């Protein structure tokens, strides 16, 4: 008598090949380079595969669409720009650190040019806009951690919600870097922006 075949749930699962992080790095680098060089129009799956030394099916399997590919590359670059939330016990210093990290990457790495490369496309590509909204939501979450600490210390200006506070801080960097002649993102600019969202620290009461 033949033994019954195992049910599908009982069959051993085949493990897929582990995802090689070096491939993702090569793809992200190629995507950022193309964005910085020629904008969103220059970023095609074929161009990224060629630049990264890969074949198109590899890109499609990992990312599926150009919008998801671009958002993944920007997400990785931003994660490098602001990898962790500082917690020094001084909320003003922590916000200055976060903003300074972002400013350095906007001004001194290809990230700033790459972001300029896709911004104009957001109004015309709903998928790209949705993907980049998710990326920016992750960045906002980092700042929100410090905003929460600032509120606990009564340092946050009451009229500001988290999104407006983030827009004031990050927005001044993007506007200064991309839309003005004075493109330098100085320490004094960053300090001024932070003071727009925080109340001054109160001196301890004398006994």
Protein backbone atom coordinates (compact mmCIF):
# COMPACT_ATOMS: atom_id res chain seq x y z
CA UNK A 1 0.00 0.00 0.00
CA UNK A 2 1.42 3.38 -1.02
CA UNK A 3 1.95 5.97 1.63
CA UNK A 4 -0.25 9.03 1.10
CA UNK A 5 1.52 12.08 -0.28
CA UNK A 6 2.18 14.76 2.27
CA UNK A 7 -0.18 17.68 2.35
CA UNK A 8 1.16 20.96 0.97
CA UNK A 9 1.64 22.37 4.46
CA UNK A 10 3.81 19.35 5.33
CA UNK A 11 6.15 19.75 2.38
CA UNK A 12 9.53 21.20 3.28
CA UNK A 13 9.85 24.79 2.19
CA UNK A 14 12.64 25.68 -0.14
CA UNK A 15 14.67 28.59 1.03
CA UNK A 16 15.38 31.24 -1.58
CA UNK A 17 18.81 32.64 -2.15
CA UNK A 18 19.65 35.25 0.51
CA UNK A 19 19.38 38.80 -0.76
CA UNK A 20 22.83 40.20 -1.44
CA UNK A 21 23.11 43.68 0.15
CA UNK A 22 25.98 44.51 -2.22
CA UNK A 23 23.53 44.33 -5.12
CA UNK A 24 21.20 46.81 -3.41
CA UNK A 25 24.12 49.13 -2.76
CA UNK A 26 25.21 49.00 -6.40
CA UNK A 27 21.65 49.64 -7.57
CA UNK A 28 21.16 52.55 -5.18
CA UNK A 29 24.47 54.11 -6.18
CA UNK A 30 23.64 53.81 -9.88
CA UNK A 31 20.18 55.29 -9.35
CA UNK A 32 21.48 58.27 -7.38
CA UNK A 33 24.17 58.92 -9.98
CA UNK A 34 21.64 58.91 -12.82
CA UNK A 35 19.23 61.15 -10.90
CA UNK A 36 21.99 63.62 -10.13
CA UNK A 37 23.25 63.61 -13.72
CA UNK A 38 20.03 63.85 -15.70
CA UNK A 39 16.96 63.82 -13.48
CA UNK A 40 14.15 61.31 -13.30
CA UNK A 41 13.91 60.92 -17.08
CA UNK A 42 17.40 59.43 -17.19
CA UNK A 43 16.57 56.76 -14.61
CA UNK A 44 15.40 53.68 -16.48
CA UNK A 45 15.65 50.08 -15.37
CA UNK A 46 17.98 49.39 -18.28
CA UNK A 47 20.22 52.36 -17.48
CA UNK A 48 20.43 51.43 -13.79
CA UNK A 49 21.21 47.79 -14.61
CA UNK A 50 23.94 48.84 -17.03
CA UNK A 51 25.48 51.31 -14.57
CA UNK A 52 25.36 48.78 -11.72
CA UNK A 53 26.74 45.91 -13.83
CA UNK A 54 23.56 43.86 -13.47
CA UNK A 55 20.80 42.52 -15.69
CA UNK A 56 17.32 44.05 -15.88
CA UNK A 57 15.48 41.04 -14.34
CA UNK A 58 17.49 41.53 -11.15
CA UNK A 59 16.24 45.11 -10.86
CA UNK A 60 12.65 44.18 -11.67
CA UNK A 61 12.59 41.36 -9.12
CA UNK A 62 13.81 43.61 -6.33
CA UNK A 63 11.97 46.84 -7.07
CA UNK A 64 9.28 46.25 -9.66
CA UNK A 65 8.89 49.82 -10.88
CA UNK A 66 11.03 52.87 -11.47
CA UNK A 67 9.22 54.80 -8.74
CA UNK A 68 9.96 52.12 -6.14
CA UNK A 69 13.56 51.94 -7.33
CA UNK A 70 14.08 55.69 -6.96
CA UNK A 71 12.37 55.84 -3.56
CA UNK A 72 14.52 52.94 -2.29
CA UNK A 73 17.70 54.73 -3.36
CA UNK A 74 16.62 58.01 -1.74
CA UNK A 75 15.53 56.18 1.41
CA UNK A 76 18.93 54.51 1.72
CA UNK A 77 20.76 57.80 1.18
CA UNK A 78 18.65 59.62 3.77
CA UNK A 79 19.17 56.79 6.25
CA UNK A 80 22.90 57.35 5.83
CA UNK A 81 22.46 61.10 6.26
CA UNK A 82 20.55 60.79 9.54
CA UNK A 83 21.16 57.23 10.80
CA UNK A 84 20.03 57.66 14.41
CA UNK A 85 18.23 60.11 16.67
CA UNK A 86 20.70 61.85 19.00
CA UNK A 87 19.80 62.01 22.68
CA UNK A 88 22.25 64.23 24.50
CA UNK A 89 19.79 65.60 27.04
CA UNK A 90 19.67 68.91 25.14
CA UNK A 91 16.78 69.00 22.66
CA UNK A 92 18.13 72.09 20.92
CA UNK A 93 21.49 70.44 20.34
CA UNK A 94 19.78 67.25 19.15
CA UNK A 95 17.72 69.13 16.55
CA UNK A 96 20.79 71.03 15.40
CA UNK A 97 22.61 67.70 14.96
CA UNK A 98 19.79 66.14 12.93
CA UNK A 99 19.46 69.20 10.73
CA UNK A 100 23.23 69.54 10.30
CA UNK A 101 23.51 65.95 9.13
CA UNK A 102 20.78 66.50 6.56
CA UNK A 103 22.31 69.81 5.44
CA UNK A 104 25.71 68.24 4.89
CA UNK A 105 24.29 65.56 2.62
CA UNK A 106 22.12 68.01 0.68
CA UNK A 107 25.03 70.39 0.08
CA UNK A 108 28.05 68.12 -0.18
CA UNK A 109 26.91 64.79 -1.60
CA UNK A 110 24.97 63.71 -4.67
CA UNK A 111 21.84 63.31 -2.50
CA UNK A 112 20.88 66.96 -2.93
CA UNK A 113 21.25 66.83 -6.70
CA UNK A 114 19.46 63.48 -6.85
CA UNK A 115 16.50 64.88 -4.92
CA UNK A 116 16.31 67.82 -7.29
CA UNK A 117 16.26 65.26 -10.08
CA UNK A 118 12.88 63.82 -9.10
CA UNK A 119 11.06 66.72 -7.42
CA UNK A 120 9.63 68.12 -10.64
CA UNK A 121 8.14 64.73 -11.47
CA UNK A 122 6.09 64.38 -8.27
CA UNK A 123 3.12 66.34 -9.65
CA UNK A 124 2.94 64.08 -12.71
CA UNK A 125 3.63 60.63 -11.26
CA UNK A 126 1.21 59.52 -8.50
CA UNK A 127 3.17 56.35 -7.77
CA UNK A 128 6.42 58.25 -7.29
CA UNK A 129 4.64 60.83 -5.12
CA UNK A 130 3.18 58.08 -2.91
CA UNK A 131 6.55 56.36 -2.58
CA UNK A 132 8.34 59.56 -1.66
CA UNK A 133 5.61 60.47 0.83
CA UNK A 134 6.45 57.24 2.67
CA UNK A 135 10.16 58.07 2.60
CA UNK A 136 9.56 61.55 4.01
CA UNK A 137 7.23 60.13 6.67
CA UNK A 138 10.15 58.06 7.95
CA UNK A 139 12.33 61.18 8.13
CA UNK A 140 9.60 63.08 9.95
CA UNK A 141 9.40 60.26 12.50
CA UNK A 142 13.04 60.82 13.49
CA UNK A 143 12.43 64.48 14.21
CA UNK A 144 9.18 63.65 16.00
CA UNK A 145 11.17 61.77 18.66
CA UNK A 146 12.99 64.98 19.54
CA UNK A 147 9.82 67.08 19.25
CA UNK A 148 8.21 64.82 21.87
CA UNK A 149 11.12 65.42 24.22
CA UNK A 150 10.89 69.15 23.59
CA UNK A 151 7.17 69.17 24.48
CA UNK A 152 7.88 67.22 27.65
CA UNK A 153 10.31 69.99 28.60
CA UNK A 154 7.87 72.75 27.50
CA UNK A 155 10.37 73.88 24.86
CA UNK A 156 8.19 73.32 21.79
CA UNK A 157 6.19 76.29 20.61
CA UNK A 158 2.53 75.52 21.32
CA UNK A 159 1.29 76.74 17.94
CA UNK A 160 3.38 74.18 16.02
CA UNK A 161 2.31 70.65 15.16
CA UNK A 162 4.98 68.12 14.26
CA UNK A 163 4.54 68.37 10.50
CA UNK A 164 4.77 72.15 10.48
CA UNK A 165 7.84 72.06 12.70
CA UNK A 166 9.54 69.58 10.37
CA UNK A 167 8.60 71.65 7.33
CA UNK A 168 10.14 74.73 8.91
CA UNK A 169 13.37 72.92 9.69
CA UNK A 170 13.89 70.82 6.56
CA UNK A 171 12.15 73.25 4.24
CA UNK A 172 14.59 76.07 4.94
CA UNK A 173 17.45 73.79 3.90
CA UNK A 174 15.85 72.70 0.65
CA UNK A 175 14.76 76.22 -0.26
CA UNK A 176 18.13 77.79 0.53
CA UNK A 177 20.04 75.05 -1.32
CA UNK A 178 17.88 74.96 -4.44
CA UNK A 179 16.11 78.28 -4.91
CA UNK A 180 18.36 81.07 -3.71
CA UNK A 181 21.70 82.54 -4.74
CA UNK A 182 22.99 82.13 -1.18
CA UNK A 183 23.21 78.36 -1.26
CA UNK A 184 25.46 77.91 1.75
CA UNK A 185 23.78 75.91 4.51
CA UNK A 186 25.64 77.49 7.40
CA UNK A 187 25.67 76.59 11.07
CA UNK A 188 24.04 79.93 11.87
CA UNK A 189 21.18 79.21 9.45
CA UNK A 190 20.58 75.85 11.10
CA UNK A 191 20.69 77.33 14.61
CA UNK A 192 18.22 80.04 13.59
CA UNK A 193 15.84 77.49 12.08
CA UNK A 194 15.88 75.41 15.26
CA UNK A 195 15.12 78.47 17.38
CA UNK A 196 12.03 79.07 15.24
CA UNK A 197 10.44 75.91 16.64
CA UNK A 198 11.76 75.99 20.20
CA UNK A 199 11.24 78.27 23.15
CA UNK A 200 14.48 79.48 24.73
CA UNK A 201 15.75 77.29 27.56
CA UNK A 202 14.67 78.62 30.93
CA UNK A 203 17.39 79.42 33.40
CA UNK A 204 17.04 77.46 36.65
CA UNK A 205 15.21 79.39 39.33
CA UNK A 206 17.47 80.82 42.01
CA UNK A 207 16.92 79.55 45.49
